PDB file of N, CA and C in Angstrom:
ATOM      1  N   UNK A   1     141.560  72.286 111.229  1.00  0.00           N
ATOM      2  CA  UNK A   1     140.969  72.458 109.915  1.00  0.00           C
ATOM      3  C   UNK A   1     139.584  71.815 109.819  1.00  0.00           C
ATOM      4  N   UNK A   2     139.356  70.640 110.404  1.00  0.00           N
ATOM      5  CA  UNK A   2     138.013  70.046 110.315  1.00  0.00           C
ATOM      6  C   UNK A   2     136.950  70.920 110.985  1.00  0.00           C
ATOM      7  N   UNK A   3     137.304  71.625 112.065  1.00  0.00           N
ATOM      8  CA  UNK A   3     136.303  72.472 112.718  1.00  0.00           C
ATOM      9  C   UNK A   3     135.958  73.670 111.842  1.00  0.00           C
ATOM     10  N   UNK A   4     136.918  74.162 111.069  1.00  0.00           N
ATOM     11  CA  UNK A   4     136.640  75.276 110.164  1.00  0.00           C
ATOM     12  C   UNK A   4     135.693  74.830 109.055  1.00  0.00           C
ATOM     13  N   UNK A   5     135.920  73.653 108.505  1.00  0.00           N
ATOM     14  CA  UNK A   5     135.058  73.123 107.456  1.00  0.00           C
ATOM     15  C   UNK A   5     133.654  72.894 108.016  1.00  0.00           C
ATOM     16  N   UNK A   6     133.562  72.368 109.219  1.00  0.00           N
ATOM     17  CA  UNK A   6     132.267  72.131 109.855  1.00  0.00           C
ATOM     18  C   UNK A   6     131.535  73.460 110.087  1.00  0.00           C
ATOM     19  N   UNK A   7     132.257  74.478 110.542  1.00  0.00           N
ATOM     20  CA  UNK A   7     131.657  75.794 110.767  1.00  0.00           C
ATOM     21  C   UNK A   7     131.156  76.401 109.456  1.00  0.00           C
ATOM     22  N   UNK A   8     131.988  76.371 108.427  1.00  0.00           N
ATOM     23  CA  UNK A   8     131.592  76.933 107.136  1.00  0.00           C
ATOM     24  C   UNK A   8     130.414  76.170 106.534  1.00  0.00           C
ATOM     25  N   UNK A   9     130.399  74.859 106.675  1.00  0.00           N
ATOM     26  CA  UNK A   9     129.285  74.054 106.170  1.00  0.00           C
ATOM     27  C   UNK A   9     127.994  74.415 106.898  1.00  0.00           C
ATOM     28  N   UNK A  10     128.069  74.549 108.206  1.00  0.00           N
ATOM     29  CA  UNK A  10     126.885  74.919 108.994  1.00  0.00           C
ATOM     30  C   UNK A  10     126.384  76.299 108.597  1.00  0.00           C
ATOM     31  N   UNK A  11     127.294  77.244 108.427  1.00  0.00           N
ATOM     32  CA  UNK A  11     126.890  78.601 108.032  1.00  0.00           C
ATOM     33  C   UNK A  11     126.271  78.615 106.638  1.00  0.00           C
ATOM     34  N   UNK A  12     126.836  77.841 105.725  1.00  0.00           N
ATOM     35  CA  UNK A  12     126.273  77.774 104.375  1.00  0.00           C
ATOM     36  C   UNK A  12     124.888  77.132 104.371  1.00  0.00           C
ATOM     37  N   UNK A  13     124.690  76.111 105.186  1.00  0.00           N
ATOM     38  CA  UNK A  13     123.374  75.479 105.266  1.00  0.00           C
ATOM     39  C   UNK A  13     122.355  76.449 105.858  1.00  0.00           C
ATOM     40  N   UNK A  14     122.735  77.159 106.903  1.00  0.00           N
ATOM     41  CA  UNK A  14     121.825  78.153 107.495  1.00  0.00           C
ATOM     42  C   UNK A  14     121.497  79.268 106.503  1.00  0.00           C
ATOM     43  N   UNK A  15     122.497  79.732 105.761  1.00  0.00           N
ATOM     44  CA  UNK A  15     122.254  80.778 104.763  1.00  0.00           C
ATOM     45  C   UNK A  15     121.323  80.265 103.666  1.00  0.00           C
ATOM     46  N   UNK A  16     121.485  79.005 103.263  1.00  0.00           N
ATOM     47  CA  UNK A  16     120.599  78.415 102.255  1.00  0.00           C
ATOM     48  C   UNK A  16     119.163  78.307 102.753  1.00  0.00           C
ATOM     49  N   UNK A  17     118.995  77.928 104.021  1.00  0.00           N
ATOM     50  CA  UNK A  17     117.646  77.835 104.589  1.00  0.00           C
ATOM     51  C   UNK A  17     116.990  79.213 104.642  1.00  0.00           C
ATOM     52  N   UNK A  18     117.741  80.207 105.079  1.00  0.00           N
ATOM     53  CA  UNK A  18     117.203  81.577 105.142  1.00  0.00           C
ATOM     54  C   UNK A  18     116.860  82.078 103.739  1.00  0.00           C
ATOM     55  N   UNK A  19     117.729  81.815 102.783  1.00  0.00           N
ATOM     56  CA  UNK A  19     117.464  82.223 101.397  1.00  0.00           C
ATOM     57  C   UNK A  19     116.217  81.525 100.849  1.00  0.00           C
ATOM     58  N   UNK A  20     116.053  80.255 101.177  1.00  0.00           N
ATOM     59  CA  UNK A  20     114.872  79.513 100.740  1.00  0.00           C
ATOM     60  C   UNK A  20     113.593  80.067 101.352  1.00  0.00           C
ATOM     61  N   UNK A  21     113.637  80.440 102.629  1.00  0.00           N
ATOM     62  CA  UNK A  21     112.472  81.041 103.277  1.00  0.00           C
ATOM     63  C   UNK A  21     112.125  82.368 102.620  1.00  0.00           C
ATOM     64  N   UNK A  22     113.133  83.181 102.325  1.00  0.00           N
ATOM     65  CA  UNK A  22     112.873  84.473 101.673  1.00  0.00           C
ATOM     66  C   UNK A  22     112.285  84.268 100.279  1.00  0.00           C
ATOM     67  N   UNK A  23     112.779  83.300  99.533  1.00  0.00           N
ATOM     68  CA  UNK A  23     112.243  83.026  98.201  1.00  0.00           C
ATOM     69  C   UNK A  23     110.797  82.547  98.295  1.00  0.00           C
ATOM     70  N   UNK A  24     110.494  81.724  99.296  1.00  0.00           N
ATOM     71  CA  UNK A  24     109.121  81.252  99.482  1.00  0.00           C
ATOM     72  C   UNK A  24     108.195  82.415  99.811  1.00  0.00           C
ATOM     73  N   UNK A  25     108.651  83.353 100.616  1.00  0.00           N
ATOM     74  CA  UNK A  25     107.832  84.527 100.926  1.00  0.00           C
ATOM     75  C   UNK A  25     107.563  85.357  99.671  1.00  0.00           C
ATOM     76  N   UNK A  26     108.561  85.482  98.818  1.00  0.00           N
ATOM     77  CA  UNK A  26     108.378  86.260  97.592  1.00  0.00           C
ATOM     78  C   UNK A  26     107.343  85.606  96.681  1.00  0.00           C
ATOM     79  N   UNK A  27     107.391  84.300  96.556  1.00  0.00           N
ATOM     80  CA  UNK A  27     106.508  83.606  95.626  1.00  0.00           C
ATOM     81  C   UNK A  27     105.098  83.377  96.171  1.00  0.00           C
ATOM     82  N   UNK A  28     104.961  83.143  97.469  1.00  0.00           N
ATOM     83  CA  UNK A  28     103.671  82.714  97.997  1.00  0.00           C
ATOM     84  C   UNK A  28     102.875  83.790  98.722  1.00  0.00           C
ATOM     85  N   UNK A  29     103.481  84.893  99.126  1.00  0.00           N
ATOM     86  CA  UNK A  29     102.759  85.927  99.871  1.00  0.00           C
ATOM     87  C   UNK A  29     102.467  87.097  98.938  1.00  0.00           C
ATOM     88  N   UNK A  30     101.197  87.448  98.822  1.00  0.00           N
ATOM     89  CA  UNK A  30     100.779  88.563  97.977  1.00  0.00           C
ATOM     90  C   UNK A  30     100.374  89.736  98.880  1.00  0.00           C
ATOM     91  N   UNK A  31     101.044  90.877  98.757  1.00  0.00           N
ATOM     92  CA  UNK A  31     100.689  92.012  99.608  1.00  0.00           C
ATOM     93  C   UNK A  31      99.330  92.595  99.213  1.00  0.00           C
ATOM     94  N   UNK A  32      98.630  93.137 100.180  1.00  0.00           N
ATOM     95  CA  UNK A  32      97.351  93.781  99.899  1.00  0.00           C
ATOM     96  C   UNK A  32      97.597  95.255  99.619  1.00  0.00           C
ATOM     97  N   UNK A  33      96.931  95.766  98.601  1.00  0.00           N
ATOM     98  CA  UNK A  33      97.083  97.173  98.244  1.00  0.00           C
ATOM     99  C   UNK A  33      95.864  97.928  98.732  1.00  0.00           C
ATOM    100  N   UNK A  34      96.102  99.089  99.302  1.00  0.00           N
ATOM    101  CA  UNK A  34      95.002  99.943  99.722  1.00  0.00           C
ATOM    102  C   UNK A  34      95.446 101.390  99.629  1.00  0.00           C
ATOM    103  N   UNK A  35      94.462 102.262  99.479  1.00  0.00           N
ATOM    104  CA  UNK A  35      94.758 103.675  99.333  1.00  0.00           C
ATOM    105  C   UNK A  35      95.164 104.256 100.679  1.00  0.00           C
ATOM    106  N   UNK A  36      96.132 105.165 100.635  1.00  0.00           N
ATOM    107  CA  UNK A  36      96.647 105.740 101.867  1.00  0.00           C
ATOM    108  C   UNK A  36      96.821 107.239 101.691  1.00  0.00           C
ATOM    109  N   UNK A  37      96.421 108.005 102.685  1.00  0.00           N
ATOM    110  CA  UNK A  37      96.563 109.453 102.651  1.00  0.00           C
ATOM    111  C   UNK A  37      97.394 109.890 103.849  1.00  0.00           C
ATOM    112  N   UNK A  38      98.421 110.687 103.586  1.00  0.00           N
ATOM    113  CA  UNK A  38      99.285 111.189 104.647  1.00  0.00           C
ATOM    114  C   UNK A  38      99.239 112.708 104.603  1.00  0.00           C
ATOM    115  N   UNK A  39      98.861 113.309 105.724  1.00  0.00           N
ATOM    116  CA  UNK A  39      98.842 114.765 105.792  1.00  0.00           C
ATOM    117  C   UNK A  39     100.220 115.266 106.209  1.00  0.00           C
ATOM    118  N   UNK A  40     100.739 116.198 105.427  1.00  0.00           N
ATOM    119  CA  UNK A  40     102.049 116.774 105.705  1.00  0.00           C
ATOM    120  C   UNK A  40     101.828 118.180 106.231  1.00  0.00           C
ATOM    121  N   UNK A  41     102.248 118.462 107.456  1.00  0.00           N
ATOM    122  CA  UNK A  41     102.030 119.803 107.990  1.00  0.00           C
ATOM    123  C   UNK A  41     102.937 120.821 107.303  1.00  0.00           C
ATOM    124  N   UNK A  42     102.364 121.955 106.941  1.00  0.00           N
ATOM    125  CA  UNK A  42     103.144 123.021 106.329  1.00  0.00           C
ATOM    126  C   UNK A  42     103.684 123.931 107.419  1.00  0.00           C
ATOM    127  N   UNK A  43     104.891 124.454 107.249  1.00  0.00           N
ATOM    128  CA  UNK A  43     105.428 125.349 108.273  1.00  0.00           C
ATOM    129  C   UNK A  43     104.639 126.662 108.289  1.00  0.00           C
ATOM    130  N   UNK A  44     104.483 127.215 109.464  1.00  0.00           N
ATOM    131  CA  UNK A  44     103.784 128.496 109.607  1.00  0.00           C
ATOM    132  C   UNK A  44     104.665 129.597 109.016  1.00  0.00           C
ATOM    133  N   UNK A  45     104.049 130.461 108.219  1.00  0.00           N
ATOM    134  CA  UNK A  45     104.802 131.551 107.603  1.00  0.00           C
ATOM    135  C   UNK A  45     104.783 132.763 108.531  1.00  0.00           C
ATOM    136  N   UNK A  46     105.939 133.351 108.736  1.00  0.00           N
ATOM    137  CA  UNK A  46     106.059 134.566 109.541  1.00  0.00           C
ATOM    138  C   UNK A  46     105.982 135.748 108.581  1.00  0.00           C
ATOM    139  N   UNK A  47     104.956 136.635 108.703  1.00  0.00           N
ATOM    140  CA  UNK A  47     104.812 137.729 107.741  1.00  0.00           C
ATOM    141  C   UNK A  47     105.982 138.716 107.765  1.00  0.00           C
ATOM    142  N   UNK A  48     106.706 138.814 108.867  1.00  0.00           N
ATOM    143  CA  UNK A  48     107.818 139.758 108.948  1.00  0.00           C
ATOM    144  C   UNK A  48     109.113 139.221 108.378  1.00  0.00           C
ATOM    145  N   UNK A  49     109.217 137.930 108.189  1.00  0.00           N
ATOM    146  CA  UNK A  49     110.466 137.330 107.712  1.00  0.00           C
ATOM    147  C   UNK A  49     110.554 137.432 106.191  1.00  0.00           C
ATOM    148  N   UNK A  50     111.731 137.769 105.662  1.00  0.00           N
ATOM    149  CA  UNK A  50     111.878 137.830 104.200  1.00  0.00           C
ATOM    150  C   UNK A  50     111.821 136.423 103.610  1.00  0.00           C
ATOM    151  N   UNK A  51     111.212 136.307 102.450  1.00  0.00           N
ATOM    152  CA  UNK A  51     111.126 135.019 101.776  1.00  0.00           C
ATOM    153  C   UNK A  51     112.021 135.031 100.554  1.00  0.00           C
ATOM    154  N   UNK A  52     112.548 133.881 100.235  1.00  0.00           N
ATOM    155  CA  UNK A  52     113.403 133.759  99.051  1.00  0.00           C
ATOM    156  C   UNK A  52     112.564 133.217  97.910  1.00  0.00           C
ATOM    157  N   UNK A  53     112.808 133.744  96.728  1.00  0.00           N
ATOM    158  CA  UNK A  53     112.088 133.277  95.559  1.00  0.00           C
ATOM    159  C   UNK A  53     112.675 131.952  95.097  1.00  0.00           C
ATOM    160  N   UNK A  54     111.805 131.051  94.647  1.00  0.00           N
ATOM    161  CA  UNK A  54     112.279 129.776  94.146  1.00  0.00           C
ATOM    162  C   UNK A  54     112.698 129.865  92.687  1.00  0.00           C
ATOM    163  N   UNK A  55     112.245 130.916  92.002  1.00  0.00           N
ATOM    164  CA  UNK A  55     112.641 131.091  90.596  1.00  0.00           C
ATOM    165  C   UNK A  55     114.005 131.736  90.522  1.00  0.00           C
ATOM    166  N   UNK A  56     114.730 131.407  89.500  1.00  0.00           N
ATOM    167  CA  UNK A  56     116.058 132.000  89.311  1.00  0.00           C
ATOM    168  C   UNK A  56     116.102 132.750  88.026  1.00  0.00           C
TER     169      UNK A  56
END
């Protein structure tokens, strides 16, 4: 039983340290914003293939 308590205590302390680091990152690090453009390739249309209408 003492080894289980020691293991759980160690895991809780490690989880607290990790949680504290994450909280510090949230409060102290400010992300930089910049404009971004992403080109999305359109599929080539086959003139012989039937197309479905999007309207119903």
